[in-house]
């Protein structure tokens, strides 16, 4: 765990903050930045809800897929343009309804579809190729890498670049650098240009306003944490036990904080929620009613196959 301020000073830590791993989906708010800074979101008339979807790892519920379709229509493309691949909706009810109708999941149900539509919108706006919009050499991905570098405070050449589950580039860096990126997302430095600072303000605002679009309507850690602490933070999980949060300025933390953690066993639903909630409790971000609202995600029984 690494907890840092906007200057990158470590406020609290556990384990080795210099551990390097991939952000995975925790990179999504930064992957969405170019959607705003390039002018693409304004050109295509994307609403706040659509911008929020571009930052999320959604459940594949109708509220998510319908927004993705709306975004695609605005840029004149169909679901076949998405290169994220298909998987069943994370939401059990949405997945069951698909199976009952005898339908196969498509790319719209992919938790990353909003992010990919955002990337396609930037490609359209820039006049960049849409056939390889997810490739590192595409101008869209170069803009994203530059943004990630700026917020994390490390050179593009010093970031590990992998291939994410949705085929887009995945960024590897230290936990400390991840935490710094989130501290700067909620409190962008004065040295950042106005366009970038305005983009940060909108991303933080829409993530806080529409937590159900970042995760789902229920039982998603990001959604429940942001509901429990409204307008106090932005929460974003990543695959394989990664978690990041930007804590907005408050009485306890006047300059705000960035937090990143990695749980080595990679389990998403066993250790991570317990650690996240206890971490936010110790930082004074979750307390009283807020803590009670997420208690069922912090303490729960684990059963073996026999039910013990």
Protein backbone atom coordinates (compact mmCIF):
# COMPACT_ATOMS: atom_id res chain seq x y z
CA UNK A 1 0.00 0.00 0.00
CA UNK A 2 1.21 3.51 -0.82
CA UNK A 3 -0.53 6.69 0.34
CA UNK A 4 0.98 9.91 -1.01
CA UNK A 5 0.29 13.64 -1.26
CA UNK A 6 0.39 15.67 -4.49
CA UNK A 7 4.16 16.15 -4.12
CA UNK A 8 4.68 12.40 -3.96
CA UNK A 9 5.58 12.34 -0.27
CA UNK A 10 4.65 9.04 1.36
CA UNK A 11 2.07 9.68 4.09
CA UNK A 12 1.54 6.00 4.94
CA UNK A 13 2.64 2.68 3.54
CA UNK A 14 2.60 -1.06 4.06
CA UNK A 15 4.88 -3.56 2.37
CA UNK A 16 7.06 -2.16 -0.42
CA UNK A 17 5.72 1.02 -2.10
CA UNK A 18 8.34 0.61 -4.85
CA UNK A 19 6.69 -2.64 -6.00
CA UNK A 20 6.03 -2.46 -9.76
CA UNK A 21 2.80 -3.81 -11.19
CA UNK A 22 0.21 -2.93 -13.84
CA UNK A 23 -2.61 -0.49 -13.18
CA UNK A 24 -4.96 -2.50 -15.40
CA UNK A 25 -8.41 -0.85 -15.16
CA UNK A 26 -7.20 1.62 -12.54
CA UNK A 27 -5.77 3.51 -15.54
CA UNK A 28 -9.22 4.24 -16.98
CA UNK A 29 -9.69 7.81 -15.70
CA UNK A 30 -6.35 8.72 -17.31
CA UNK A 31 -7.23 6.86 -20.50
CA UNK A 32 -10.37 9.02 -20.62
CA UNK A 33 -8.49 12.30 -20.18
CA UNK A 34 -7.69 12.70 -23.88
CA UNK A 35 -11.40 12.34 -24.64
CA UNK A 36 -11.81 15.69 -22.89
CA UNK A 37 -8.50 17.47 -23.52
CA UNK A 38 -8.59 16.73 -27.27
CA UNK A 39 -12.04 18.28 -27.62
CA UNK A 40 -13.60 15.00 -28.79
CA UNK A 41 -16.18 14.85 -25.97
CA UNK A 42 -17.41 18.35 -26.80
CA UNK A 43 -17.40 17.75 -30.54
CA UNK A 44 -19.56 14.63 -30.27
CA UNK A 45 -21.76 15.99 -27.49
CA UNK A 46 -20.94 13.35 -24.89
CA UNK A 47 -22.96 13.79 -21.71
CA UNK A 48 -21.54 13.51 -18.20
CA UNK A 49 -23.01 10.00 -17.94
CA UNK A 50 -21.21 8.97 -21.14
CA UNK A 51 -17.92 10.40 -19.89
CA UNK A 52 -18.42 8.46 -16.65
CA UNK A 53 -18.93 5.23 -18.59
CA UNK A 54 -15.58 5.82 -20.33
CA UNK A 55 -13.95 5.81 -16.87
CA UNK A 56 -15.68 2.66 -15.63
CA UNK A 57 -15.38 -1.11 -15.50
CA UNK A 58 -19.09 -1.63 -15.86
CA UNK A 59 -21.34 -4.58 -15.14
CA UNK A 60 -22.79 -4.95 -18.65
CA UNK A 61 -26.27 -4.03 -17.43
CA UNK A 62 -28.69 -2.32 -19.83
CA UNK A 63 -27.86 1.10 -18.35
CA UNK A 64 -24.27 0.50 -19.46
CA UNK A 65 -24.77 -1.08 -22.87
CA UNK A 66 -27.38 1.51 -23.88
CA UNK A 67 -24.97 4.33 -23.07
CA UNK A 68 -22.21 2.65 -25.08
CA UNK A 69 -24.58 2.37 -28.06
CA UNK A 70 -25.50 6.05 -27.69
CA UNK A 71 -21.81 7.02 -27.73
CA UNK A 72 -21.12 4.89 -30.80
CA UNK A 73 -24.03 6.47 -32.68
CA UNK A 74 -22.66 9.93 -31.94
CA UNK A 75 -19.35 9.04 -33.61
CA UNK A 76 -20.98 7.18 -36.49
CA UNK A 77 -19.77 3.68 -35.64
CA UNK A 78 -21.28 0.37 -34.58
CA UNK A 79 -20.31 -2.23 -32.00
CA UNK A 80 -18.21 -4.05 -34.63
CA UNK A 81 -15.66 -1.22 -34.37
CA UNK A 82 -14.88 -2.19 -30.75
CA UNK A 83 -11.70 -4.23 -30.32
CA UNK A 84 -12.16 -5.06 -26.63
CA UNK A 85 -13.58 -8.54 -27.18
CA UNK A 86 -16.70 -9.98 -25.55
CA UNK A 87 -17.43 -11.54 -22.19
CA UNK A 88 -20.58 -12.25 -20.20
CA UNK A 89 -21.91 -9.31 -18.20
CA UNK A 90 -20.47 -9.15 -14.69
CA UNK A 91 -24.03 -8.64 -13.49
CA UNK A 92 -25.56 -12.07 -12.85
CA UNK A 93 -29.09 -10.97 -13.76
CA UNK A 94 -27.98 -9.40 -17.05
CA UNK A 95 -25.99 -12.54 -17.90
CA UNK A 96 -28.98 -14.79 -17.09
CA UNK A 97 -31.31 -12.71 -19.26
CA UNK A 98 -28.90 -13.04 -22.19
CA UNK A 99 -28.76 -16.82 -21.79
CA UNK A 100 -32.55 -17.08 -21.47
CA UNK A 101 -32.91 -15.21 -24.77
CA UNK A 102 -30.36 -17.53 -26.37
CA UNK A 103 -28.04 -14.60 -27.11
CA UNK A 104 -24.26 -14.52 -26.95
CA UNK A 105 -22.54 -11.61 -25.18
CA UNK A 106 -20.96 -9.05 -27.48
CA UNK A 107 -18.35 -6.32 -27.12
CA UNK A 108 -20.90 -3.92 -25.61
CA UNK A 109 -21.12 -6.18 -22.55
CA UNK A 110 -17.36 -6.01 -22.03
CA UNK A 111 -16.64 -4.02 -18.87
CA UNK A 112 -14.23 -1.88 -20.94
CA UNK A 113 -16.62 -0.97 -23.76
CA UNK A 114 -17.11 2.61 -22.55
CA UNK A 115 -13.37 3.16 -22.47
CA UNK A 116 -13.00 1.77 -25.98
CA UNK A 117 -15.77 3.97 -27.38
CA UNK A 118 -13.93 6.91 -25.84
CA UNK A 119 -10.74 5.87 -27.61
CA UNK A 120 -12.61 5.54 -30.91
CA UNK A 121 -14.07 9.02 -30.42
CA UNK A 122 -10.59 10.48 -29.98
CA UNK A 123 -9.40 8.64 -33.10
CA UNK A 124 -12.35 10.05 -35.07
CA UNK A 125 -11.65 13.54 -33.75
CA UNK A 126 -7.93 13.39 -34.56
CA UNK A 127 -8.41 11.72 -37.92
CA UNK A 128 -6.33 8.81 -36.64
CA UNK A 129 -6.87 5.25 -37.92
CA UNK A 130 -9.74 3.46 -36.20
CA UNK A 131 -8.61 0.04 -37.46
CA UNK A 132 -5.77 -0.06 -34.88
CA UNK A 133 -6.96 2.51 -32.32
CA UNK A 134 -5.89 0.22 -29.45
CA UNK A 135 -2.31 -0.26 -30.67
CA UNK A 136 0.55 1.57 -28.89
CA UNK A 137 1.67 3.24 -32.13
CA UNK A 138 -1.73 4.86 -32.73
CA UNK A 139 -1.88 8.62 -31.95
CA UNK A 140 -4.71 7.92 -29.48
CA UNK A 141 -2.54 5.62 -27.38
CA UNK A 142 0.39 8.03 -27.55
CA UNK A 143 -1.81 10.76 -26.05
CA UNK A 144 -2.89 8.37 -23.30
CA UNK A 145 0.69 7.31 -22.52
CA UNK A 146 1.73 10.96 -22.30
CA UNK A 147 -1.10 11.69 -19.85
CA UNK A 148 -0.25 8.66 -17.73
CA UNK A 149 3.38 9.78 -17.67
CA UNK A 150 2.46 13.33 -16.67
CA UNK A 151 0.26 12.29 -13.76
CA UNK A 152 2.50 9.50 -12.45
CA UNK A 153 5.62 11.65 -12.72
CA UNK A 154 7.65 9.14 -14.74
CA UNK A 155 8.90 9.12 -18.31
CA UNK A 156 6.96 7.14 -20.90
CA UNK A 157 10.13 5.14 -21.55
CA UNK A 158 10.25 4.16 -17.86
CA UNK A 159 6.73 2.68 -17.84
CA UNK A 160 6.30 -1.03 -18.50
CA UNK A 161 3.86 -1.50 -21.38
CA UNK A 162 1.85 -4.70 -21.59
CA UNK A 163 -1.38 -5.81 -23.25
CA UNK A 164 -4.49 -5.53 -21.08
CA UNK A 165 -7.40 -7.95 -20.98
CA UNK A 166 -9.29 -5.69 -23.38
CA UNK A 167 -6.30 -5.49 -25.81
CA UNK A 168 -5.41 -1.85 -25.00
CA UNK A 169 -1.96 -1.00 -23.60
CA UNK A 170 -1.52 -1.66 -19.87
CA UNK A 171 0.84 0.53 -17.87
CA UNK A 172 3.27 -0.80 -15.28
CA UNK A 173 4.82 1.38 -12.57
CA UNK A 174 5.49 1.55 -8.83
CA UNK A 175 2.66 1.69 -6.33
CA UNK A 176 3.99 5.10 -5.28
CA UNK A 177 3.68 6.40 -8.86
CA UNK A 178 0.13 5.03 -9.13
CA UNK A 179 -0.84 6.79 -5.91
CA UNK A 180 0.72 10.05 -7.12
CA UNK A 181 -1.34 9.88 -10.32
CA UNK A 182 -4.54 9.70 -8.27
CA UNK A 183 -3.45 12.48 -5.92
CA UNK A 184 -2.92 14.67 -8.99
CA UNK A 185 -6.21 13.61 -10.52
CA UNK A 186 -8.21 14.97 -7.57
CA UNK A 187 -5.87 17.96 -7.01
CA UNK A 188 -4.10 18.72 -10.32
CA UNK A 189 -0.94 20.80 -9.83
CA UNK A 190 -0.98 24.47 -10.87
CA UNK A 191 1.77 23.61 -13.36
CA UNK A 192 -0.73 21.55 -15.40
CA UNK A 193 -2.42 23.52 -18.19
CA UNK A 194 -5.99 24.72 -17.70
CA UNK A 195 -7.43 22.25 -20.21
CA UNK A 196 -5.95 19.33 -18.25
CA UNK A 197 -7.13 20.70 -14.91
CA UNK A 198 -10.63 21.22 -16.30
CA UNK A 199 -10.62 17.62 -17.58
CA UNK A 200 -9.63 16.37 -14.11
CA UNK A 201 -12.44 18.35 -12.52
CA UNK A 202 -15.01 16.83 -14.89
CA UNK A 203 -13.75 13.27 -14.52
CA UNK A 204 -13.74 13.48 -10.72
CA UNK A 205 -17.20 15.08 -10.76
CA UNK A 206 -18.84 12.53 -13.09
CA UNK A 207 -17.29 9.52 -11.36
CA UNK A 208 -18.63 10.82 -8.03
CA UNK A 209 -22.04 11.68 -9.49
CA UNK A 210 -22.62 8.38 -11.32
CA UNK A 211 -20.93 5.62 -9.29
CA UNK A 212 -23.33 3.05 -10.81
CA UNK A 213 -21.67 3.67 -14.19
CA UNK A 214 -18.17 3.06 -12.80
CA UNK A 215 -19.17 -0.38 -11.47
CA UNK A 216 -22.81 -1.38 -11.38
CA UNK A 217 -26.14 -0.82 -9.72
CA UNK A 218 -25.14 -2.98 -6.74
CA UNK A 219 -22.39 -5.06 -5.15
CA UNK A 220 -19.45 -3.41 -6.90
CA UNK A 221 -16.67 -2.08 -4.65
CA UNK A 222 -16.10 1.18 -6.53
CA UNK A 223 -19.80 1.96 -6.62
CA UNK A 224 -20.41 1.17 -2.96
CA UNK A 225 -17.37 3.08 -1.70
CA UNK A 226 -18.29 6.21 -3.66
CA UNK A 227 -21.90 5.94 -2.51
CA UNK A 228 -20.75 5.60 1.10
CA UNK A 229 -18.51 8.69 0.85
CA UNK A 230 -20.31 10.90 -1.68
CA UNK A 231 -18.16 13.56 -3.36
CA UNK A 232 -15.25 12.76 -1.04
CA UNK A 233 -13.27 10.44 -3.30
CA UNK A 234 -13.00 8.64 -6.61
CA UNK A 235 -12.54 4.88 -6.42
CA UNK A 236 -11.23 2.58 -9.16
CA UNK A 237 -10.38 -1.09 -9.02
CA UNK A 238 -7.93 -2.79 -11.33
CA UNK A 239 -7.58 -6.48 -12.15
CA UNK A 240 -5.46 -8.87 -10.09
CA UNK A 241 -5.91 -7.24 -6.69
CA UNK A 242 -5.06 -3.66 -7.71
CA UNK A 243 -6.97 -0.74 -6.20
CA UNK A 244 -6.58 3.02 -6.45
CA UNK A 245 -8.42 5.95 -4.91
CA UNK A 246 -8.12 9.73 -5.04
CA UNK A 247 -9.21 11.38 -1.78
CA UNK A 248 -10.40 14.94 -2.25
CA UNK A 249 -9.19 17.72 0.09
CA UNK A 250 -10.86 17.52 3.49
CA UNK A 251 -10.37 18.65 7.07
CA UNK A 252 -8.15 15.61 7.73
CA UNK A 253 -6.25 15.89 4.44
CA UNK A 254 -6.33 19.53 3.22
CA UNK A 255 -4.21 18.74 0.16
CA UNK A 256 -5.99 15.50 -0.70
CA UNK A 257 -4.35 12.09 -1.07
CA UNK A 258 -3.65 9.41 -3.65
CA UNK A 259 -3.77 5.76 -2.63
CA UNK A 260 -2.70 2.59 -4.44
CA UNK A 261 -2.59 -1.00 -3.28
CA UNK A 262 -1.78 -4.40 -4.73
CA UNK A 263 -2.74 -7.71 -3.14
CA UNK A 264 -0.34 -10.34 -4.37
CA UNK A 265 -2.80 -13.23 -4.62
CA UNK A 266 -4.85 -11.13 -7.04
CA UNK A 267 -8.23 -12.10 -5.62
CA UNK A 268 -10.81 -9.42 -6.36
CA UNK A 269 -13.58 -10.26 -3.90
CA UNK A 270 -11.94 -11.89 -0.89
CA UNK A 271 -9.08 -9.80 0.48
CA UNK A 272 -9.38 -6.56 -1.47
CA UNK A 273 -12.65 -5.10 -0.10
CA UNK A 274 -11.61 -5.85 3.47
CA UNK A 275 -8.26 -4.11 3.00
CA UNK A 276 -9.74 -1.14 1.11
CA UNK A 277 -12.38 -0.46 3.76
CA UNK A 278 -9.95 -0.81 6.67
CA UNK A 279 -7.46 1.46 4.87
CA UNK A 280 -10.09 4.16 4.31
CA UNK A 281 -11.23 3.79 7.93
CA UNK A 282 -7.71 4.32 9.23
CA UNK A 283 -7.34 7.39 7.01
CA UNK A 284 -10.57 8.79 8.48
CA UNK A 285 -12.34 8.82 5.11
CA UNK A 286 -14.92 6.19 6.04
CA UNK A 287 -16.52 6.55 9.48
CA UNK A 288 -19.86 6.28 11.23
CA UNK A 289 -22.66 5.96 8.62
CA UNK A 290 -20.18 5.70 5.74
CA UNK A 291 -18.41 2.80 7.41
CA UNK A 292 -21.69 1.10 8.26
CA UNK A 293 -22.81 1.36 4.63
CA UNK A 294 -19.94 -0.82 3.44
CA UNK A 295 -19.56 -3.09 6.47
CA UNK A 296 -20.91 -6.15 4.66
CA UNK A 297 -18.00 -5.90 2.19
CA UNK A 298 -15.44 -5.70 4.99
CA UNK A 299 -16.51 -8.67 7.12
CA UNK A 300 -18.04 -11.78 5.62
CA UNK A 301 -17.76 -15.56 6.01
CA UNK A 302 -15.63 -17.66 3.69
CA UNK A 303 -16.99 -21.16 3.03
CA UNK A 304 -15.29 -24.22 1.61
CA UNK A 305 -17.05 -26.54 -0.82
CA UNK A 306 -18.61 -28.50 2.05
CA UNK A 307 -20.03 -25.35 3.60
CA UNK A 308 -17.66 -25.13 6.58
